[in-house]
Amino acid sequence: PYAYTYRDYVIDAFNSDKPYNRFVVEQLAADQLRLDENSPTLAALGFLTVGRRFLNKQEDIIDDRIDVVCRGLMALTVGCARCHDHK
């Protein structure tokens, strides 16, 4: 129900010309940046948390988050790594 906070965060980041490196760091680790408890920047974590829950199966949730980060930031798919180990 609060997914709009992530959308608003992204819009505000673009409108304020937030540097890309800061934008990425906030999306991946805003909870580790020692922000105030009510900081609107914490909405950046929506990048990882506003996704499917897979019936709360932790391994599937982690797999999805890895896939989202790789597709969104590196333009790569890594789904094959779930079952395959390549050198």
PDB file of N, CA and C in Angstrom:
ATOM      1  N   PRO A   1       0.801  -1.212   0.000  1.00  0.00           N
ATOM      2  CA  PRO A   1       0.000   0.000   0.000  1.00  0.00           C
ATOM      3  C   PRO A   1       0.845   1.278   0.000  1.00  0.00           C
ATOM      4  N   TYR A   2       2.130   1.167   0.316  1.00  0.00           N
ATOM      5  CA  TYR A   2       2.987   2.350   0.374  1.00  0.00           C
ATOM      6  C   TYR A   2       3.988   2.406  -0.776  1.00  0.00           C
ATOM      7  N   ALA A   3       3.724   1.673  -1.841  1.00  0.00           N
ATOM      8  CA  ALA A   3       4.637   1.654  -2.989  1.00  0.00           C
ATOM      9  C   ALA A   3       4.792   3.043  -3.599  1.00  0.00           C
ATOM     10  N   TYR A   4       3.808   3.886  -3.435  1.00  0.00           N
ATOM     11  CA  TYR A   4       3.886   5.236  -3.997  1.00  0.00           C
ATOM     12  C   TYR A   4       5.058   6.024  -3.405  1.00  0.00           C
ATOM     13  N   THR A   5       5.503   5.666  -2.198  1.00  0.00           N
ATOM     14  CA  THR A   5       6.623   6.398  -1.600  1.00  0.00           C
ATOM     15  C   THR A   5       7.907   6.169  -2.404  1.00  0.00           C
ATOM     16  N   TYR A   6       8.081   4.957  -2.943  1.00  0.00           N
ATOM     17  CA  TYR A   6       9.253   4.690  -3.793  1.00  0.00           C
ATOM     18  C   TYR A   6       9.136   5.466  -5.100  1.00  0.00           C
ATOM     19  N   ARG A   7       7.950   5.460  -5.690  1.00  0.00           N
ATOM     20  CA  ARG A   7       7.733   6.221  -6.922  1.00  0.00           C
ATOM     21  C   ARG A   7       8.047   7.695  -6.692  1.00  0.00           C
ATOM     22  N   ASP A   8       7.572   8.254  -5.598  1.00  0.00           N
ATOM     23  CA  ASP A   8       7.834   9.657  -5.291  1.00  0.00           C
ATOM     24  C   ASP A   8       9.322   9.909  -5.059  1.00  0.00           C
ATOM     25  N   TYR A   9      10.013   8.948  -4.428  1.00  0.00           N
ATOM     26  CA  TYR A   9      11.449   9.075  -4.223  1.00  0.00           C
ATOM     27  C   TYR A   9      12.174   9.174  -5.565  1.00  0.00           C
ATOM     28  N   VAL A  10      11.831   8.304  -6.499  1.00  0.00           N
ATOM     29  CA  VAL A  10      12.481   8.304  -7.818  1.00  0.00           C
ATOM     30  C   VAL A  10      12.220   9.617  -8.547  1.00  0.00           C
ATOM     31  N   ILE A  11      10.995  10.078  -8.521  1.00  0.00           N
ATOM     32  CA  ILE A  11      10.648  11.341  -9.187  1.00  0.00           C
ATOM     33  C   ILE A  11      11.423  12.498  -8.569  1.00  0.00           C
ATOM     34  N   ASP A  12      11.468  12.543  -7.238  1.00  0.00           N
ATOM     35  CA  ASP A  12      12.203  13.612  -6.559  1.00  0.00           C
ATOM     36  C   ASP A  12      13.701  13.546  -6.859  1.00  0.00           C
ATOM     37  N   ALA A  13      14.249  12.332  -6.950  1.00  0.00           N
ATOM     38  CA  ALA A  13      15.674  12.170  -7.251  1.00  0.00           C
ATOM     39  C   ALA A  13      15.999  12.726  -8.639  1.00  0.00           C
ATOM     40  N   PHE A  14      15.161  12.433  -9.608  1.00  0.00           N
ATOM     41  CA  PHE A  14      15.390  12.958 -10.955  1.00  0.00           C
ATOM     42  C   PHE A  14      15.186  14.464 -11.009  1.00  0.00           C
ATOM     43  N   ASN A  15      14.147  14.946 -10.357  1.00  0.00           N
ATOM     44  CA  ASN A  15      13.872  16.381 -10.383  1.00  0.00           C
ATOM     45  C   ASN A  15      14.948  17.198  -9.676  1.00  0.00           C
ATOM     46  N   SER A  16      15.612  16.600  -8.695  1.00  0.00           N
ATOM     47  CA  SER A  16      16.657  17.329  -7.964  1.00  0.00           C
ATOM     48  C   SER A  16      18.055  17.040  -8.518  1.00  0.00           C
ATOM     49  N   ASP A  17      18.134  16.330  -9.642  1.00  0.00           N
ATOM     50  CA  ASP A  17      19.422  15.982 -10.269  1.00  0.00           C
ATOM     51  C   ASP A  17      20.367  15.290  -9.293  1.00  0.00           C
ATOM     52  N   LYS A  18      19.826  14.354  -8.530  1.00  0.00           N
ATOM     53  CA  LYS A  18      20.647  13.592  -7.590  1.00  0.00           C
ATOM     54  C   LYS A  18      21.706  12.824  -8.382  1.00  0.00           C
ATOM     55  N   PRO A  19      22.954  12.848  -7.951  1.00  0.00           N
ATOM     56  CA  PRO A  19      24.005  12.095  -8.656  1.00  0.00           C
ATOM     57  C   PRO A  19      23.658  10.605  -8.714  1.00  0.00           C
ATOM     58  N   TYR A  20      23.962   9.980  -9.849  1.00  0.00           N
ATOM     59  CA  TYR A  20      23.586   8.580 -10.059  1.00  0.00           C
ATOM     60  C   TYR A  20      24.193   7.668  -9.004  1.00  0.00           C
ATOM     61  N   ASN A  21      25.456   7.895  -8.648  1.00  0.00           N
ATOM     62  CA  ASN A  21      26.075   7.007  -7.654  1.00  0.00           C
ATOM     63  C   ASN A  21      25.351   7.085  -6.314  1.00  0.00           C
ATOM     64  N   ARG A  22      24.918   8.260  -5.919  1.00  0.00           N
ATOM     65  CA  ARG A  22      24.173   8.410  -4.663  1.00  0.00           C
ATOM     66  C   ARG A  22      22.793   7.750  -4.787  1.00  0.00           C
ATOM     67  N   PHE A  23      22.163   7.897  -5.941  1.00  0.00           N
ATOM     68  CA  PHE A  23      20.863   7.292  -6.224  1.00  0.00           C
ATOM     69  C   PHE A  23      20.940   5.773  -6.053  1.00  0.00           C
ATOM     70  N   VAL A  24      21.980   5.165  -6.588  1.00  0.00           N
ATOM     71  CA  VAL A  24      22.146   3.713  -6.496  1.00  0.00           C
ATOM     72  C   VAL A  24      22.438   3.294  -5.059  1.00  0.00           C
ATOM     73  N   VAL A  25      23.331   3.992  -4.389  1.00  0.00           N
ATOM     74  CA  VAL A  25      23.664   3.649  -3.002  1.00  0.00           C
ATOM     75  C   VAL A  25      22.423   3.715  -2.121  1.00  0.00           C
ATOM     76  N   GLU A  26      21.626   4.730  -2.290  1.00  0.00           N
ATOM     77  CA  GLU A  26      20.421   4.862  -1.476  1.00  0.00           C
ATOM     78  C   GLU A  26      19.455   3.713  -1.737  1.00  0.00           C
ATOM     79  N   GLN A  27      19.339   3.283  -2.976  1.00  0.00           N
ATOM     80  CA  GLN A  27      18.413   2.198  -3.289  1.00  0.00           C
ATOM     81  C   GLN A  27      18.883   0.858  -2.732  1.00  0.00           C
ATOM     82  N   LEU A  28      20.179   0.680  -2.642  1.00  0.00           N
ATOM     83  CA  LEU A  28      20.703  -0.603  -2.173  1.00  0.00           C
ATOM     84  C   LEU A  28      20.983  -0.630  -0.668  1.00  0.00           C
ATOM     85  N   ALA A  29      21.225   0.531  -0.069  1.00  0.00           N
ATOM     86  CA  ALA A  29      21.666   0.520   1.333  1.00  0.00           C
ATOM     87  C   ALA A  29      21.209   1.724   2.141  1.00  0.00           C
ATOM     88  N   ALA A  30      20.067   2.281   1.852  1.00  0.00           N
ATOM     89  CA  ALA A  30      19.614   3.468   2.592  1.00  0.00           C
ATOM     90  C   ALA A  30      19.503   3.196   4.086  1.00  0.00           C
ATOM     91  N   ASP A  31      19.192   1.970   4.449  1.00  0.00           N
ATOM     92  CA  ASP A  31      19.065   1.646   5.869  1.00  0.00           C
ATOM     93  C   ASP A  31      20.414   1.635   6.587  1.00  0.00           C
ATOM     94  N   GLN A  32      21.513   1.676   5.854  1.00  0.00           N
ATOM     95  CA  GLN A  32      22.847   1.670   6.444  1.00  0.00           C
ATOM     96  C   GLN A  32      23.507   3.051   6.418  1.00  0.00           C
ATOM     97  N   LEU A  33      22.800   4.074   5.972  1.00  0.00           N
ATOM     98  CA  LEU A  33      23.376   5.402   5.801  1.00  0.00           C
ATOM     99  C   LEU A  33      23.212   6.312   7.012  1.00  0.00           C
ATOM    100  N   ARG A  34      22.769   5.797   8.100  1.00  0.00           N
ATOM    101  CA  ARG A  34      22.585   6.587   9.337  1.00  0.00           C
ATOM    102  C   ARG A  34      21.689   7.802   9.117  1.00  0.00           C
ATOM    103  N   LEU A  35      20.567   7.556   8.493  1.00  0.00           N
ATOM    104  CA  LEU A  35      19.577   8.602   8.245  1.00  0.00           C
ATOM    105  C   LEU A  35      18.620   8.669   9.424  1.00  0.00           C
ATOM    106  N   ASP A  36      17.889   9.776   9.510  1.00  0.00           N
ATOM    107  CA  ASP A  36      16.851   9.882  10.532  1.00  0.00           C
ATOM    108  C   ASP A  36      15.795   8.818  10.299  1.00  0.00           C
ATOM    109  N   GLU A  37      15.150   8.424  11.364  1.00  0.00           N
ATOM    110  CA  GLU A  37      14.143   7.372  11.306  1.00  0.00           C
ATOM    111  C   GLU A  37      13.020   7.687  10.313  1.00  0.00           C
ATOM    112  N   ASN A  38      12.681   8.941  10.157  1.00  0.00           N
ATOM    113  CA  ASN A  38      11.593   9.343   9.270  1.00  0.00           C
ATOM    114  C   ASN A  38      12.094   9.979   7.978  1.00  0.00           C
ATOM    115  N   SER A  39      13.328   9.730   7.615  1.00  0.00           N
ATOM    116  CA  SER A  39      13.892  10.332   6.412  1.00  0.00           C
ATOM    117  C   SER A  39      13.187   9.808   5.162  1.00  0.00           C
ATOM    118  N   PRO A  40      12.781  10.713   4.263  1.00  0.00           N
ATOM    119  CA  PRO A  40      12.139  10.264   3.025  1.00  0.00           C
ATOM    120  C   PRO A  40      13.084   9.454   2.138  1.00  0.00           C
ATOM    121  N   THR A  41      14.378   9.552   2.369  1.00  0.00           N
ATOM    122  CA  THR A  41      15.349   8.779   1.587  1.00  0.00           C
ATOM    123  C   THR A  41      15.201   7.282   1.830  1.00  0.00           C
ATOM    124  N   LEU A  42      14.675   6.893   2.972  1.00  0.00           N
ATOM    125  CA  LEU A  42      14.470   5.471   3.250  1.00  0.00           C
ATOM    126  C   LEU A  42      13.499   4.832   2.267  1.00  0.00           C
ATOM    127  N   ALA A  43      12.694   5.635   1.610  1.00  0.00           N
ATOM    128  CA  ALA A  43      11.778   5.105   0.595  1.00  0.00           C
ATOM    129  C   ALA A  43      12.546   4.496  -0.573  1.00  0.00           C
ATOM    130  N   ALA A  44      13.819   4.846  -0.727  1.00  0.00           N
ATOM    131  CA  ALA A  44      14.638   4.290  -1.801  1.00  0.00           C
ATOM    132  C   ALA A  44      14.747   2.774  -1.699  1.00  0.00           C
ATOM    133  N   LEU A  45      14.594   2.217  -0.521  1.00  0.00           N
ATOM    134  CA  LEU A  45      14.666   0.774  -0.347  1.00  0.00           C
ATOM    135  C   LEU A  45      13.526   0.052  -1.051  1.00  0.00           C
ATOM    136  N   GLY A  46      12.565   0.807  -1.515  1.00  0.00           N
ATOM    137  CA  GLY A  46      11.480   0.211  -2.294  1.00  0.00           C
ATOM    138  C   GLY A  46      11.988  -0.511  -3.524  1.00  0.00           C
ATOM    139  N   PHE A  47      13.157  -0.120  -4.021  1.00  0.00           N
ATOM    140  CA  PHE A  47      13.759  -0.801  -5.164  1.00  0.00           C
ATOM    141  C   PHE A  47      13.889  -2.294  -4.891  1.00  0.00           C
ATOM    142  N   LEU A  48      14.232  -2.645  -3.669  1.00  0.00           N
ATOM    143  CA  LEU A  48      14.395  -4.054  -3.308  1.00  0.00           C
ATOM    144  C   LEU A  48      13.179  -4.662  -2.639  1.00  0.00           C
ATOM    145  N   THR A  49      12.386  -3.861  -1.977  1.00  0.00           N
ATOM    146  CA  THR A  49      11.336  -4.428  -1.134  1.00  0.00           C
ATOM    147  C   THR A  49       9.937  -4.400  -1.723  1.00  0.00           C
ATOM    148  N   VAL A  50       9.714  -3.624  -2.768  1.00  0.00           N
ATOM    149  CA  VAL A  50       8.376  -3.562  -3.347  1.00  0.00           C
ATOM    150  C   VAL A  50       8.285  -4.590  -4.479  1.00  0.00           C
ATOM    151  N   GLY A  51       8.539  -5.816  -4.134  1.00  0.00           N
ATOM    152  CA  GLY A  51       8.507  -6.864  -5.136  1.00  0.00           C
ATOM    153  C   GLY A  51       7.632  -8.013  -4.691  1.00  0.00           C
ATOM    154  N   ARG A  52       7.701  -9.065  -5.463  1.00  0.00           N
ATOM    155  CA  ARG A  52       6.917 -10.252  -5.142  1.00  0.00           C
ATOM    156  C   ARG A  52       7.455 -10.902  -3.879  1.00  0.00           C
ATOM    157  N   ARG A  53       6.585 -11.595  -3.154  1.00  0.00           N
ATOM    158  CA  ARG A  53       6.983 -12.197  -1.876  1.00  0.00           C
ATOM    159  C   ARG A  53       7.124 -13.716  -1.952  1.00  0.00           C
ATOM    160  N   PHE A  54       6.687 -14.363  -3.011  1.00  0.00           N
ATOM    161  CA  PHE A  54       6.893 -15.797  -3.219  1.00  0.00           C
ATOM    162  C   PHE A  54       6.482 -16.632  -2.016  1.00  0.00           C
ATOM    163  N   LEU A  55       5.309 -16.360  -1.497  1.00  0.00           N
ATOM    164  CA  LEU A  55       4.782 -17.089  -0.335  1.00  0.00           C
ATOM    165  C   LEU A  55       5.768 -17.096   0.829  1.00  0.00           C
ATOM    166  N   ASN A  56       6.530 -16.001   0.946  1.00  0.00           N
ATOM    167  CA  ASN A  56       7.530 -15.808   1.995  1.00  0.00           C
ATOM    168  C   ASN A  56       8.625 -16.876   2.021  1.00  0.00           C
ATOM    169  N   LYS A  57       8.920 -17.467   0.866  1.00  0.00           N
ATOM    170  CA  LYS A  57      10.051 -18.395   0.763  1.00  0.00           C
ATOM    171  C   LYS A  57      11.314 -17.563   0.616  1.00  0.00           C
ATOM    172  N   GLN A  58      12.114 -17.521   1.670  1.00  0.00           N
ATOM    173  CA  GLN A  58      13.264 -16.631   1.746  1.00  0.00           C
ATOM    174  C   GLN A  58      14.218 -16.792   0.564  1.00  0.00           C
ATOM    175  N   GLU A  59      14.516 -18.031   0.159  1.00  0.00           N
ATOM    176  CA  GLU A  59      15.460 -18.232  -0.938  1.00  0.00           C
ATOM    177  C   GLU A  59      14.933 -17.677  -2.255  1.00  0.00           C
ATOM    178  N   ASP A  60      13.624 -17.737  -2.480  1.00  0.00           N
ATOM    179  CA  ASP A  60      13.049 -17.172  -3.700  1.00  0.00           C
ATOM    180  C   ASP A  60      13.032 -15.649  -3.658  1.00  0.00           C
ATOM    181  N   ILE A  61      12.812 -15.085  -2.491  1.00  0.00           N
ATOM    182  CA  ILE A  61      12.832 -13.625  -2.337  1.00  0.00           C
ATOM    183  C   ILE A  61      14.239 -13.102  -2.589  1.00  0.00           C
ATOM    184  N   ILE A  62      15.242 -13.760  -2.023  1.00  0.00           N
ATOM    185  CA  ILE A  62      16.629 -13.341  -2.237  1.00  0.00           C
ATOM    186  C   ILE A  62      17.003 -13.466  -3.704  1.00  0.00           C
ATOM    187  N   ASP A  63      16.617 -14.571  -4.334  1.00  0.00           N
ATOM    188  CA  ASP A  63      16.900 -14.773  -5.751  1.00  0.00           C
ATOM    189  C   ASP A  63      16.281 -13.653  -6.595  1.00  0.00           C
ATOM    190  N   ASP A  64      15.056 -13.266  -6.277  1.00  0.00           N
ATOM    191  CA  ASP A  64      14.397 -12.197  -7.019  1.00  0.00           C
ATOM    192  C   ASP A  64      15.109 -10.862  -6.825  1.00  0.00           C
ATOM    193  N   ARG A  65      15.560 -10.581  -5.619  1.00  0.00           N
ATOM    194  CA  ARG A  65      16.262  -9.318  -5.364  1.00  0.00           C
ATOM    195  C   ARG A  65      17.588  -9.262  -6.114  1.00  0.00           C
ATOM    196  N   ILE A  66      18.307 -10.371  -6.153  1.00  0.00           N
ATOM    197  CA  ILE A  66      19.550 -10.429  -6.924  1.00  0.00           C
ATOM    198  C   ILE A  66      19.250 -10.187  -8.390  1.00  0.00           C
ATOM    199  N   ASP A  67      18.198 -10.804  -8.899  1.00  0.00           N
ATOM    200  CA  ASP A  67      17.820 -10.640 -10.303  1.00  0.00           C
ATOM    201  C   ASP A  67      17.441  -9.194 -10.602  1.00  0.00           C
ATOM    202  N   VAL A  68      16.699  -8.554  -9.716  1.00  0.00           N
ATOM    203  CA  VAL A  68      16.290  -7.160  -9.910  1.00  0.00           C
ATOM    204  C   VAL A  68      17.506  -6.241  -9.962  1.00  0.00           C
ATOM    205  N   VAL A  69      18.459  -6.437  -9.052  1.00  0.00           N
ATOM    206  CA  VAL A  69      19.658  -5.591  -9.026  1.00  0.00           C
ATOM    207  C   VAL A  69      20.479  -5.795 -10.295  1.00  0.00           C
ATOM    208  N   CYS A  70      20.685  -7.038 -10.683  1.00  0.00           N
ATOM    209  CA  CYS A  70      21.506  -7.308 -11.876  1.00  0.00           C
ATOM    210  C   CYS A  70      20.851  -6.789 -13.144  1.00  0.00           C
ATOM    211  N   ARG A  71      19.569  -7.013 -13.296  1.00  0.00           N
ATOM    212  CA  ARG A  71      18.874  -6.512 -14.491  1.00  0.00           C
ATOM    213  C   ARG A  71      18.803  -4.987 -14.496  1.00  0.00           C
ATOM    214  N   GLY A  72      18.504  -4.420 -13.343  1.00  0.00           N
ATOM    215  CA  GLY A  72      18.297  -2.981 -13.272  1.00  0.00           C
ATOM    216  C   GLY A  72      19.568  -2.152 -13.327  1.00  0.00           C
ATOM    217  N   LEU A  73      20.656  -2.661 -12.783  1.00  0.00           N
ATOM    218  CA  LEU A  73      21.877  -1.860 -12.685  1.00  0.00           C
ATOM    219  C   LEU A  73      22.995  -2.321 -13.606  1.00  0.00           C
ATOM    220  N   MET A  74      22.984  -3.597 -13.982  1.00  0.00           N
ATOM    221  CA  MET A  74      24.067  -4.102 -14.813  1.00  0.00           C
ATOM    222  C   MET A  74      23.590  -4.554 -16.194  1.00  0.00           C
ATOM    223  N   ALA A  75      22.267  -4.529 -16.419  1.00  0.00           N
ATOM    224  CA  ALA A  75      21.674  -4.968 -17.688  1.00  0.00           C
ATOM    225  C   ALA A  75      22.071  -6.404 -18.027  1.00  0.00           C
ATOM    226  N   LEU A  76      22.178  -7.239 -17.000  1.00  0.00           N
ATOM    227  CA  LEU A  76      22.510  -8.648 -17.172  1.00  0.00           C
ATOM    228  C   LEU A  76      21.461  -9.505 -16.479  1.00  0.00           C
ATOM    229  N   THR A  77      21.249 -10.677 -17.034  1.00  0.00           N
ATOM    230  CA  THR A  77      20.420 -11.645 -16.332  1.00  0.00           C
ATOM    231  C   THR A  77      21.352 -12.663 -15.685  1.00  0.00           C
ATOM    232  N   VAL A  78      21.065 -13.034 -14.484  1.00  0.00           N
ATOM    233  CA  VAL A  78      21.898 -13.994 -13.773  1.00  0.00           C
ATOM    234  C   VAL A  78      21.065 -15.161 -13.255  1.00  0.00           C
ATOM    235  N   GLY A  79      19.881 -15.312 -13.797  1.00  0.00           N
ATOM    236  CA  GLY A  79      19.007 -16.392 -13.363  1.00  0.00           C
ATOM    237  C   GLY A  79      19.628 -17.762 -13.549  1.00  0.00           C
ATOM    238  N   CYS A  80      20.470 -17.919 -14.565  1.00  0.00           N
ATOM    239  CA  CYS A  80      21.100 -19.217 -14.807  1.00  0.00           C
ATOM    240  C   CYS A  80      22.033 -19.595 -13.665  1.00  0.00           C
ATOM    241  N   ALA A  81      22.548 -18.621 -12.941  1.00  0.00           N
ATOM    242  CA  ALA A  81      23.471 -18.892 -11.841  1.00  0.00           C
ATOM    243  C   ALA A  81      22.781 -19.574 -10.674  1.00  0.00           C
ATOM    244  N   ARG A  82      21.473 -19.550 -10.672  1.00  0.00           N
ATOM    245  CA  ARG A  82      20.762 -20.220  -9.582  1.00  0.00           C
ATOM    246  C   ARG A  82      20.965 -21.729  -9.640  1.00  0.00           C
ATOM    247  N   CYS A  83      21.062 -22.259 -10.857  1.00  0.00           N
ATOM    248  CA  CYS A  83      21.219 -23.708 -11.016  1.00  0.00           C
ATOM    249  C   CYS A  83      22.588 -24.112 -11.564  1.00  0.00           C
ATOM    250  N   HIS A  84      23.271 -23.206 -12.217  1.00  0.00           N
ATOM    251  CA  HIS A  84      24.527 -23.534 -12.900  1.00  0.00           C
ATOM    252  C   HIS A  84      25.696 -22.790 -12.282  1.00  0.00           C
ATOM    253  N   ASP A  85      26.833 -23.437 -12.294  1.00  0.00           N
ATOM    254  CA  ASP A  85      28.067 -22.853 -11.792  1.00  0.00           C
ATOM    255  C   ASP A  85      29.075 -22.872 -12.928  1.00  0.00           C
ATOM    256  N   HIS A  86      29.350 -21.722 -13.532  1.00  0.00           N
ATOM    257  CA  HIS A  86      30.275 -21.643 -14.642  1.00  0.00           C
ATOM    258  C   HIS A  86      31.533 -20.909 -14.200  1.00  0.00           C
ATOM    259  N   LYS A  87      32.638 -21.278 -14.783  1.00  0.00           N
ATOM    260  CA  LYS A  87      33.894 -20.601 -14.485  1.00  0.00           C
ATOM    261  C   LYS A  87      33.946 -19.286 -15.213  1.00  0.00           C
TER     262      LYS A  87
END
